Amino acid sequence: MADDNGTRPERTFVVGATLPVLDERNRLVGLVTEADLAASYFSSPARRPTTPGDGAMMRGTRTVADLMHTSVTTVTSDSSIPDAAAVMLGARQRCVPVVDGGLVVGIVSWRDLVTLLTSR
């Protein structure tokens, strides 16, 4: 089902605290982070839970398109590790989607980079 701006999140994959949002052609259209969800959840007193786990946010009217960042910086699978780190720093992103031929093929996070650097 498409939302108001025509974005239809066909598929998402969870990586840490970030969800890439893909359109019906599997093209990246945005990212939703846990910070976006928390900000949305607590921005309206009407949606704040009165008891833990009451699902108040699920009754809201916001869509993925309302929450997602559409200006997303990406890298390609042949980008170097220092280049990916520089992109994340420059964009102030905790992770960066890896896009080849217009399709998301993965996501690299700061945790991935730290794990790689400390394993050597």
N, C-alpha and C. Protein backbone atom coordinates (compact mmCIF):
# COMPACT_ATOMS: atom_id res chain seq x y z
N MET A 1 0.84 -1.16 0.00
CA MET A 1 0.00 0.00 0.00
C MET A 1 0.89 1.24 0.00
N ALA A 2 0.66 2.17 -0.91
CA ALA A 2 1.44 3.40 -1.02
C ALA A 2 0.94 4.41 0.00
N ASP A 3 1.88 5.24 0.50
CA ASP A 3 1.45 6.29 1.40
C ASP A 3 1.15 7.55 0.60
N ASP A 4 0.94 8.67 1.27
CA ASP A 4 0.49 9.89 0.61
C ASP A 4 1.43 10.44 -0.45
N ASN A 5 2.73 10.18 -0.33
CA ASN A 5 3.63 10.73 -1.34
C ASN A 5 4.05 9.68 -2.36
N GLY A 6 3.37 8.56 -2.39
CA GLY A 6 3.64 7.53 -3.38
C GLY A 6 4.73 6.56 -2.98
N THR A 7 5.36 6.76 -1.84
CA THR A 7 6.40 5.86 -1.38
C THR A 7 5.75 4.60 -0.84
N ARG A 8 6.22 3.49 -1.32
CA ARG A 8 5.66 2.22 -0.87
C ARG A 8 6.78 1.39 -0.29
N PRO A 9 6.91 1.35 1.02
CA PRO A 9 8.00 0.57 1.59
C PRO A 9 7.77 -0.92 1.38
N GLU A 10 8.31 -1.45 0.29
CA GLU A 10 8.11 -2.85 -0.07
C GLU A 10 8.87 -3.78 0.87
N ARG A 11 10.05 -3.34 1.24
CA ARG A 11 10.92 -4.25 1.99
C ARG A 11 11.84 -3.40 2.84
N THR A 12 12.08 -3.85 4.03
CA THR A 12 13.08 -3.20 4.87
C THR A 12 13.95 -4.29 5.47
N PHE A 13 15.17 -3.93 5.82
CA PHE A 13 15.97 -4.86 6.59
C PHE A 13 16.55 -4.11 7.76
N VAL A 14 16.57 -4.77 8.90
CA VAL A 14 16.99 -4.12 10.13
C VAL A 14 18.48 -4.28 10.30
N VAL A 15 19.16 -3.17 10.50
CA VAL A 15 20.58 -3.18 10.80
C VAL A 15 20.77 -2.23 11.96
N GLY A 16 21.03 -2.79 13.13
CA GLY A 16 21.19 -1.93 14.29
C GLY A 16 19.93 -1.14 14.54
N ALA A 17 20.07 0.16 14.53
CA ALA A 17 18.95 1.03 14.87
C ALA A 17 18.45 1.81 13.67
N THR A 18 18.74 1.34 12.47
CA THR A 18 18.38 2.07 11.25
C THR A 18 17.66 1.15 10.28
N LEU A 19 16.58 1.66 9.71
CA LEU A 19 15.84 0.92 8.69
C LEU A 19 15.93 1.66 7.36
N PRO A 20 16.51 1.03 6.34
CA PRO A 20 16.44 1.65 5.02
C PRO A 20 15.02 1.44 4.47
N VAL A 21 14.49 2.44 3.82
CA VAL A 21 13.15 2.34 3.24
C VAL A 21 13.32 2.26 1.72
N LEU A 22 12.75 1.22 1.14
CA LEU A 22 12.89 0.96 -0.29
C LEU A 22 11.55 1.12 -0.97
N ASP A 23 11.58 1.58 -2.23
CA ASP A 23 10.34 1.70 -2.99
C ASP A 23 10.02 0.37 -3.68
N GLU A 24 9.00 0.38 -4.50
CA GLU A 24 8.56 -0.86 -5.16
C GLU A 24 9.59 -1.42 -6.14
N ARG A 25 10.57 -0.61 -6.54
CA ARG A 25 11.65 -1.08 -7.41
C ARG A 25 12.91 -1.41 -6.63
N ASN A 26 12.78 -1.48 -5.29
CA ASN A 26 13.90 -1.76 -4.39
C ASN A 26 14.96 -0.67 -4.40
N ARG A 27 14.57 0.54 -4.71
CA ARG A 27 15.48 1.70 -4.68
C ARG A 27 15.36 2.38 -3.32
N LEU A 28 16.48 2.84 -2.81
CA LEU A 28 16.51 3.53 -1.52
C LEU A 28 15.78 4.86 -1.63
N VAL A 29 14.80 5.08 -0.75
CA VAL A 29 14.09 6.35 -0.73
C VAL A 29 14.28 7.09 0.59
N GLY A 30 14.84 6.42 1.59
CA GLY A 30 15.07 7.09 2.86
C GLY A 30 15.55 6.15 3.94
N LEU A 31 15.81 6.73 5.11
CA LEU A 31 16.20 5.97 6.29
C LEU A 31 15.32 6.39 7.46
N VAL A 32 14.99 5.44 8.31
CA VAL A 32 14.31 5.72 9.57
C VAL A 32 15.21 5.19 10.68
N THR A 33 15.53 6.05 11.64
CA THR A 33 16.39 5.65 12.75
C THR A 33 15.58 5.50 14.03
N GLU A 34 16.18 4.87 15.02
CA GLU A 34 15.50 4.76 16.30
C GLU A 34 15.28 6.13 16.92
N ALA A 35 16.16 7.08 16.63
CA ALA A 35 15.96 8.45 17.12
C ALA A 35 14.72 9.08 16.47
N ASP A 36 14.49 8.80 15.19
CA ASP A 36 13.29 9.30 14.51
C ASP A 36 12.03 8.73 15.17
N LEU A 37 12.07 7.43 15.47
CA LEU A 37 10.92 6.79 16.10
C LEU A 37 10.67 7.35 17.49
N ALA A 38 11.74 7.53 18.26
CA ALA A 38 11.59 8.08 19.61
C ALA A 38 11.05 9.50 19.57
N ALA A 39 11.58 10.31 18.65
CA ALA A 39 11.11 11.70 18.54
C ALA A 39 9.63 11.73 18.18
N SER A 40 9.22 10.87 17.27
CA SER A 40 7.82 10.82 16.87
C SER A 40 6.95 10.34 18.02
N TYR A 41 7.42 9.34 18.70
CA TYR A 41 6.67 8.73 19.80
C TYR A 41 6.39 9.73 20.92
N PHE A 42 7.41 10.51 21.26
CA PHE A 42 7.27 11.42 22.39
C PHE A 42 6.86 12.83 22.00
N SER A 43 6.66 13.08 20.72
CA SER A 43 6.31 14.44 20.28
C SER A 43 4.85 14.78 20.51
N SER A 44 4.02 13.79 20.71
CA SER A 44 2.59 14.05 20.91
C SER A 44 2.11 13.41 22.20
N PRO A 45 1.61 14.22 23.14
CA PRO A 45 1.11 13.65 24.40
C PRO A 45 0.00 12.62 24.17
N ALA A 46 -0.74 12.77 23.08
CA ALA A 46 -1.83 11.83 22.81
C ALA A 46 -1.31 10.43 22.54
N ARG A 47 -0.06 10.32 22.06
CA ARG A 47 0.48 9.00 21.74
C ARG A 47 1.37 8.45 22.84
N ARG A 48 1.62 9.20 23.88
CA ARG A 48 2.45 8.68 24.96
C ARG A 48 1.71 7.56 25.68
N PRO A 49 2.42 6.48 25.97
CA PRO A 49 1.75 5.38 26.66
C PRO A 49 1.42 5.76 28.10
N THR A 50 0.32 5.24 28.57
CA THR A 50 -0.02 5.44 29.98
C THR A 50 0.50 4.28 30.80
N THR A 51 0.71 3.16 30.16
CA THR A 51 1.34 2.02 30.82
C THR A 51 2.35 1.44 29.84
N PRO A 52 3.41 0.82 30.35
CA PRO A 52 4.41 0.24 29.45
C PRO A 52 3.77 -0.76 28.48
N GLY A 53 4.15 -0.64 27.23
CA GLY A 53 3.71 -1.61 26.24
C GLY A 53 2.27 -1.49 25.79
N ASP A 54 1.63 -0.34 26.00
CA ASP A 54 0.23 -0.25 25.60
C ASP A 54 0.05 0.02 24.11
N GLY A 55 1.16 0.16 23.37
CA GLY A 55 1.06 0.30 21.92
C GLY A 55 0.48 1.60 21.44
N ALA A 56 0.61 2.65 22.22
CA ALA A 56 0.01 3.94 21.86
C ALA A 56 0.51 4.45 20.52
N MET A 57 1.79 4.25 20.22
CA MET A 57 2.33 4.79 18.97
C MET A 57 1.70 4.09 17.77
N MET A 58 1.36 2.83 17.92
CA MET A 58 0.81 2.08 16.80
C MET A 58 -0.57 2.60 16.40
N ARG A 59 -1.22 3.34 17.27
CA ARG A 59 -2.53 3.89 16.93
C ARG A 59 -2.41 5.26 16.28
N GLY A 60 -1.18 5.75 16.12
CA GLY A 60 -0.96 7.06 15.51
C GLY A 60 -1.25 7.05 14.03
N THR A 61 -1.21 8.22 13.45
CA THR A 61 -1.52 8.35 12.03
C THR A 61 -0.29 8.64 11.19
N ARG A 62 0.88 8.61 11.79
CA ARG A 62 2.10 8.91 11.04
C ARG A 62 2.49 7.73 10.18
N THR A 63 3.11 8.03 9.04
CA THR A 63 3.58 6.98 8.13
C THR A 63 5.09 6.95 8.12
N VAL A 64 5.65 5.94 7.49
CA VAL A 64 7.10 5.85 7.33
C VAL A 64 7.61 7.09 6.62
N ALA A 65 6.88 7.55 5.61
CA ALA A 65 7.30 8.74 4.86
C ALA A 65 7.37 9.97 5.76
N ASP A 66 6.53 10.04 6.79
CA ASP A 66 6.57 11.16 7.73
C ASP A 66 7.85 11.15 8.56
N LEU A 67 8.38 9.99 8.83
CA LEU A 67 9.52 9.84 9.72
C LEU A 67 10.87 9.81 9.02
N MET A 68 10.90 9.29 7.80
CA MET A 68 12.19 8.99 7.17
C MET A 68 12.94 10.24 6.72
N HIS A 69 14.26 10.09 6.72
CA HIS A 69 15.15 11.09 6.15
C HIS A 69 15.30 10.74 4.67
N THR A 70 15.04 11.68 3.80
CA THR A 70 15.14 11.38 2.37
C THR A 70 16.46 11.82 1.77
N SER A 71 17.20 12.62 2.48
CA SER A 71 18.52 13.04 2.02
C SER A 71 19.54 12.09 2.67
N VAL A 72 19.84 11.01 1.96
CA VAL A 72 20.68 9.96 2.51
C VAL A 72 21.98 9.87 1.72
N THR A 73 23.08 9.89 2.43
CA THR A 73 24.39 9.73 1.82
C THR A 73 24.69 8.24 1.74
N THR A 74 25.25 7.79 0.62
CA THR A 74 25.54 6.38 0.42
C THR A 74 26.99 6.18 -0.01
N VAL A 75 27.42 4.93 0.02
CA VAL A 75 28.71 4.52 -0.55
C VAL A 75 28.43 3.35 -1.48
N THR A 76 29.44 2.95 -2.23
CA THR A 76 29.33 1.77 -3.08
C THR A 76 30.15 0.64 -2.47
N SER A 77 29.96 -0.57 -2.96
CA SER A 77 30.67 -1.71 -2.39
C SER A 77 32.17 -1.65 -2.62
N ASP A 78 32.62 -0.85 -3.57
CA ASP A 78 34.06 -0.72 -3.77
C ASP A 78 34.65 0.51 -3.07
N SER A 79 33.87 1.19 -2.25
CA SER A 79 34.39 2.31 -1.46
C SER A 79 35.36 1.77 -0.41
N SER A 80 36.40 2.53 -0.14
CA SER A 80 37.36 2.11 0.89
C SER A 80 36.77 2.34 2.28
N ILE A 81 37.34 1.67 3.27
CA ILE A 81 36.90 1.84 4.65
C ILE A 81 37.09 3.30 5.10
N PRO A 82 38.26 3.91 4.83
CA PRO A 82 38.41 5.32 5.21
C PRO A 82 37.39 6.23 4.52
N ASP A 83 37.06 5.93 3.26
CA ASP A 83 36.05 6.73 2.56
C ASP A 83 34.67 6.57 3.20
N ALA A 84 34.32 5.35 3.57
CA ALA A 84 33.02 5.12 4.23
C ALA A 84 32.97 5.87 5.56
N ALA A 85 34.07 5.83 6.31
CA ALA A 85 34.12 6.56 7.59
C ALA A 85 33.99 8.06 7.36
N ALA A 86 34.66 8.57 6.34
CA ALA A 86 34.58 10.00 6.03
C ALA A 86 33.16 10.40 5.63
N VAL A 87 32.49 9.55 4.87
CA VAL A 87 31.11 9.82 4.46
C VAL A 87 30.21 9.87 5.69
N MET A 88 30.36 8.90 6.59
CA MET A 88 29.53 8.89 7.80
C MET A 88 29.79 10.12 8.66
N LEU A 89 31.06 10.49 8.80
CA LEU A 89 31.39 11.69 9.58
C LEU A 89 30.80 12.94 8.94
N GLY A 90 31.00 13.07 7.64
CA GLY A 90 30.51 14.25 6.93
C GLY A 90 29.00 14.39 6.96
N ALA A 91 28.31 13.25 6.88
CA ALA A 91 26.84 13.27 6.86
C ALA A 91 26.24 13.17 8.26
N ARG A 92 27.10 12.97 9.25
CA ARG A 92 26.64 12.79 10.64
C ARG A 92 25.64 11.64 10.73
N GLN A 93 25.99 10.53 10.06
CA GLN A 93 25.16 9.33 10.07
C GLN A 93 25.89 8.25 10.85
N ARG A 94 25.16 7.43 11.59
CA ARG A 94 25.76 6.32 12.33
C ARG A 94 26.01 5.12 11.43
N CYS A 95 25.36 5.13 10.28
CA CYS A 95 25.57 4.07 9.31
C CYS A 95 25.37 4.66 7.93
N VAL A 96 25.81 3.92 6.94
CA VAL A 96 25.67 4.39 5.56
C VAL A 96 25.24 3.20 4.69
N PRO A 97 24.17 3.37 3.91
CA PRO A 97 23.77 2.30 3.00
C PRO A 97 24.82 2.11 1.89
N VAL A 98 25.01 0.87 1.53
CA VAL A 98 25.90 0.52 0.42
C VAL A 98 25.00 0.27 -0.78
N VAL A 99 25.18 1.08 -1.82
CA VAL A 99 24.29 1.03 -2.99
C VAL A 99 25.12 0.76 -4.24
N ASP A 100 24.74 -0.26 -4.98
CA ASP A 100 25.36 -0.58 -6.26
C ASP A 100 24.26 -0.67 -7.31
N GLY A 101 24.44 0.01 -8.41
CA GLY A 101 23.45 -0.02 -9.48
C GLY A 101 22.09 0.46 -9.03
N GLY A 102 22.07 1.36 -8.06
CA GLY A 102 20.82 1.90 -7.55
C GLY A 102 20.12 1.04 -6.51
N LEU A 103 20.67 -0.13 -6.21
CA LEU A 103 20.05 -1.05 -5.25
C LEU A 103 20.87 -1.13 -3.97
N VAL A 104 20.18 -1.19 -2.83
CA VAL A 104 20.87 -1.34 -1.55
C VAL A 104 21.37 -2.78 -1.44
N VAL A 105 22.68 -2.92 -1.26
CA VAL A 105 23.26 -4.25 -1.13
C VAL A 105 23.76 -4.51 0.29
N GLY A 106 23.72 -3.48 1.13
CA GLY A 106 24.14 -3.64 2.51
C GLY A 106 24.14 -2.31 3.24
N ILE A 107 24.58 -2.37 4.47
CA ILE A 107 24.72 -1.17 5.30
C ILE A 107 26.00 -1.34 6.11
N VAL A 108 26.78 -0.28 6.20
CA VAL A 108 27.99 -0.27 7.02
C VAL A 108 27.74 0.69 8.17
N SER A 109 28.02 0.23 9.39
CA SER A 109 27.82 1.07 10.57
C SER A 109 29.16 1.36 11.24
N TRP A 110 29.11 2.32 12.18
CA TRP A 110 30.31 2.59 12.97
C TRP A 110 30.74 1.34 13.72
N ARG A 111 29.78 0.57 14.19
CA ARG A 111 30.12 -0.66 14.91
C ARG A 111 30.89 -1.61 14.00
N ASP A 112 30.48 -1.71 12.74
CA ASP A 112 31.21 -2.55 11.78
C ASP A 112 32.66 -2.09 11.64
N LEU A 113 32.83 -0.77 11.52
CA LEU A 113 34.18 -0.23 11.34
C LEU A 113 35.04 -0.44 12.57
N VAL A 114 34.49 -0.21 13.75
CA VAL A 114 35.24 -0.42 14.99
C VAL A 114 35.60 -1.89 15.15
N THR A 115 34.66 -2.78 14.86
CA THR A 115 34.93 -4.21 14.94
C THR A 115 36.06 -4.60 14.00
N LEU A 116 36.01 -4.09 12.78
CA LEU A 116 37.05 -4.39 11.80
C LEU A 116 38.41 -3.88 12.27
N LEU A 117 38.46 -2.66 12.74
CA LEU A 117 39.72 -2.06 13.16
C LEU A 117 40.31 -2.72 14.41
N THR A 118 39.46 -3.17 15.32
CA THR A 118 39.97 -3.79 16.55
C THR A 118 40.28 -5.26 16.38
N SER A 119 39.88 -5.85 15.27
CA SER A 119 40.16 -7.27 15.05
C SER A 119 41.48 -7.50 14.35
N ARG A 120 42.14 -6.43 13.98
CA ARG A 120 43.42 -6.58 13.25
C ARG A 120 44.59 -6.60 14.17
